[in-house]
Structures are given as structure tokens and as C-alpha cells.
Amino acid sequence: MNSIETMTLTTEGALHIVWHTHDQQTLPAAFLRSQCQCAPCKAHRLKGLPPAPVSPDIRITHMQPIGIYGVQLTFDDGHDRGIYPWVYLSELGQQAALQ
């Protein structure tokens, strides 16, 4: 399990994480929104449908830690159904670094 030291929102509305290893990741809101794991979003991707359009200007407006498991993010388009486990966020951070 990955654990975090701190988690903050940047002025651009992205998620900045400092992991217990002191590694840091800043994950853009548009990237996180496009990778949401809520049931409707995940089903959409599993059906092979093209990704739903996400505004490049989307912002995270709220974050709610979910126990030791992860975080629930709320985006300014009103979407707030996805929970992002720490392990998944770590994997997304590695993907984002490669882009």
C-alpha cells in the first residue's frame, strides 16, 4: 500500500501528492477526470467507447480522504463519484510522467 505525507490542490486545480518516500507527483485535473474509476466511467472505457470529452481547463474543487484507502475528488463539472485509491494514483502519476 502507498501512503502519503501530504495532499494539496495547486492554484491550477491539480492534485499534488507527497508520498511517504518523499517522491512528489502533480496530477492534472483533466487527466484524473479522464481516468475516473466510478462505475459509469469505467463501464464506458470497458465498452471500448472513446473517452468522454473533458475540458482541459477542468479543476478539482474538493478532495475528501477515504480512510487509509484513497481520496474522493470533486471536479468543477460536478463529477464527484470516483474514488482514487493511493495505489491507482501512484500508477497514474507514473503514466503522467511518461506523457
Protein backbone atom coordinates (compact mmCIF):
# COMPACT_ATOMS: atom_id res chain seq x y z
CA MET A 1 0.00 0.00 0.00
CA ASN A 2 1.22 3.50 -0.79
CA SER A 3 0.79 6.18 1.81
CA ILE A 4 1.06 9.91 1.58
CA GLU A 5 2.68 12.63 3.63
CA THR A 6 0.61 15.48 2.19
CA MET A 7 -2.01 16.07 -0.46
CA THR A 8 -2.88 19.56 -1.70
CA LEU A 9 -4.63 21.28 -4.60
CA THR A 10 -2.49 23.57 -6.74
CA THR A 11 -3.64 27.02 -7.84
CA GLU A 12 -4.41 25.40 -11.23
CA GLY A 13 -6.76 22.89 -9.56
CA ALA A 14 -4.41 19.90 -9.95
CA LEU A 15 -3.66 17.35 -7.24
CA HIS A 16 -0.18 17.49 -5.68
CA ILE A 17 0.91 14.48 -3.61
CA VAL A 18 4.00 13.99 -1.49
CA TRP A 19 4.37 10.27 -0.82
CA HIS A 20 5.86 8.77 2.34
CA THR A 21 9.03 8.15 0.28
CA HIS A 22 9.17 11.94 -0.31
CA ASP A 23 8.56 11.41 -4.05
CA GLN A 24 6.21 14.06 -5.39
CA GLN A 25 3.61 13.99 -8.14
CA THR A 26 1.35 16.66 -9.57
CA LEU A 27 -1.58 15.17 -11.44
CA PRO A 28 -3.56 17.47 -13.74
CA ALA A 29 -7.29 17.57 -13.08
CA ALA A 30 -8.19 16.79 -16.72
CA PHE A 31 -6.03 13.66 -16.62
CA LEU A 32 -7.55 12.49 -13.34
CA ARG A 33 -11.09 13.21 -14.55
CA SER A 34 -10.47 11.17 -17.70
CA GLN A 35 -9.23 8.24 -15.60
CA CYS A 36 -12.12 8.19 -13.12
CA GLN A 37 -12.89 4.75 -11.72
CA CYS A 38 -16.56 5.25 -10.85
CA ALA A 39 -18.83 2.58 -12.30
CA PRO A 40 -20.27 4.63 -15.21
CA CYS A 41 -16.87 5.98 -16.30
CA LYS A 42 -15.17 2.60 -16.02
CA ALA A 43 -18.01 0.87 -17.90
CA HIS A 44 -17.70 3.45 -20.67
CA ARG A 45 -13.99 2.63 -21.10
CA LEU A 46 -14.52 -1.15 -20.83
CA LYS A 47 -17.02 -0.99 -23.69
CA GLY A 48 -14.24 0.42 -25.86
CA LEU A 49 -16.05 3.70 -26.34
CA PRO A 50 -13.99 6.81 -27.00
CA PRO A 51 -13.28 8.80 -23.85
CA ALA A 52 -15.91 11.32 -22.89
CA PRO A 53 -14.62 14.81 -23.60
CA VAL A 54 -13.00 16.53 -20.64
CA SER A 55 -12.26 20.22 -20.69
CA PRO A 56 -8.53 20.91 -20.42
CA ASP A 57 -9.48 23.72 -18.01
CA ILE A 58 -11.32 21.46 -15.55
CA ARG A 59 -10.31 21.87 -11.92
CA ILE A 60 -10.54 19.81 -8.77
CA THR A 61 -12.65 21.77 -6.31
CA HIS A 62 -12.67 19.43 -3.34
CA MET A 63 -10.92 16.34 -2.05
CA GLN A 64 -12.12 14.03 0.68
CA PRO A 65 -9.79 11.37 2.11
CA ILE A 66 -11.47 7.96 2.26
CA GLY A 67 -9.89 6.29 5.28
CA ILE A 68 -6.48 4.84 4.52
CA TYR A 69 -7.70 3.73 1.09
CA GLY A 70 -7.53 6.85 -1.07
CA VAL A 71 -9.33 10.06 -1.91
CA GLN A 72 -12.62 11.11 -3.46
CA LEU A 73 -12.27 14.05 -5.83
CA THR A 74 -14.90 16.60 -6.85
CA PHE A 75 -14.41 18.38 -10.17
CA ASP A 76 -15.86 21.70 -11.24
CA ASP A 77 -18.06 19.91 -13.80
CA GLY A 78 -19.91 18.43 -10.80
CA HIS A 79 -18.47 14.93 -11.14
CA ASP A 80 -17.77 13.51 -7.68
CA ARG A 81 -18.38 9.79 -7.90
CA GLY A 82 -14.89 8.39 -8.34
CA ILE A 83 -12.66 7.21 -5.55
CA TYR A 84 -8.96 7.18 -6.36
CA PRO A 85 -7.05 4.59 -4.31
CA TRP A 86 -3.47 5.54 -3.41
CA VAL A 87 -2.08 2.69 -5.49
CA TYR A 88 -4.07 3.86 -8.52
CA LEU A 89 -2.90 7.47 -8.04
CA SER A 90 0.69 6.28 -7.89
CA GLU A 91 0.22 4.38 -11.16
CA LEU A 92 -1.44 7.41 -12.76
CA GLY A 93 1.46 9.58 -11.65
CA GLN A 94 3.89 7.23 -13.38
CA GLN A 95 1.76 7.34 -16.55
CA ALA A 96 1.55 11.14 -16.46
CA ALA A 97 5.33 11.39 -16.08
CA LEU A 98 5.74 9.42 -19.32
CA GLN A 99 3.48 11.75 -21.31
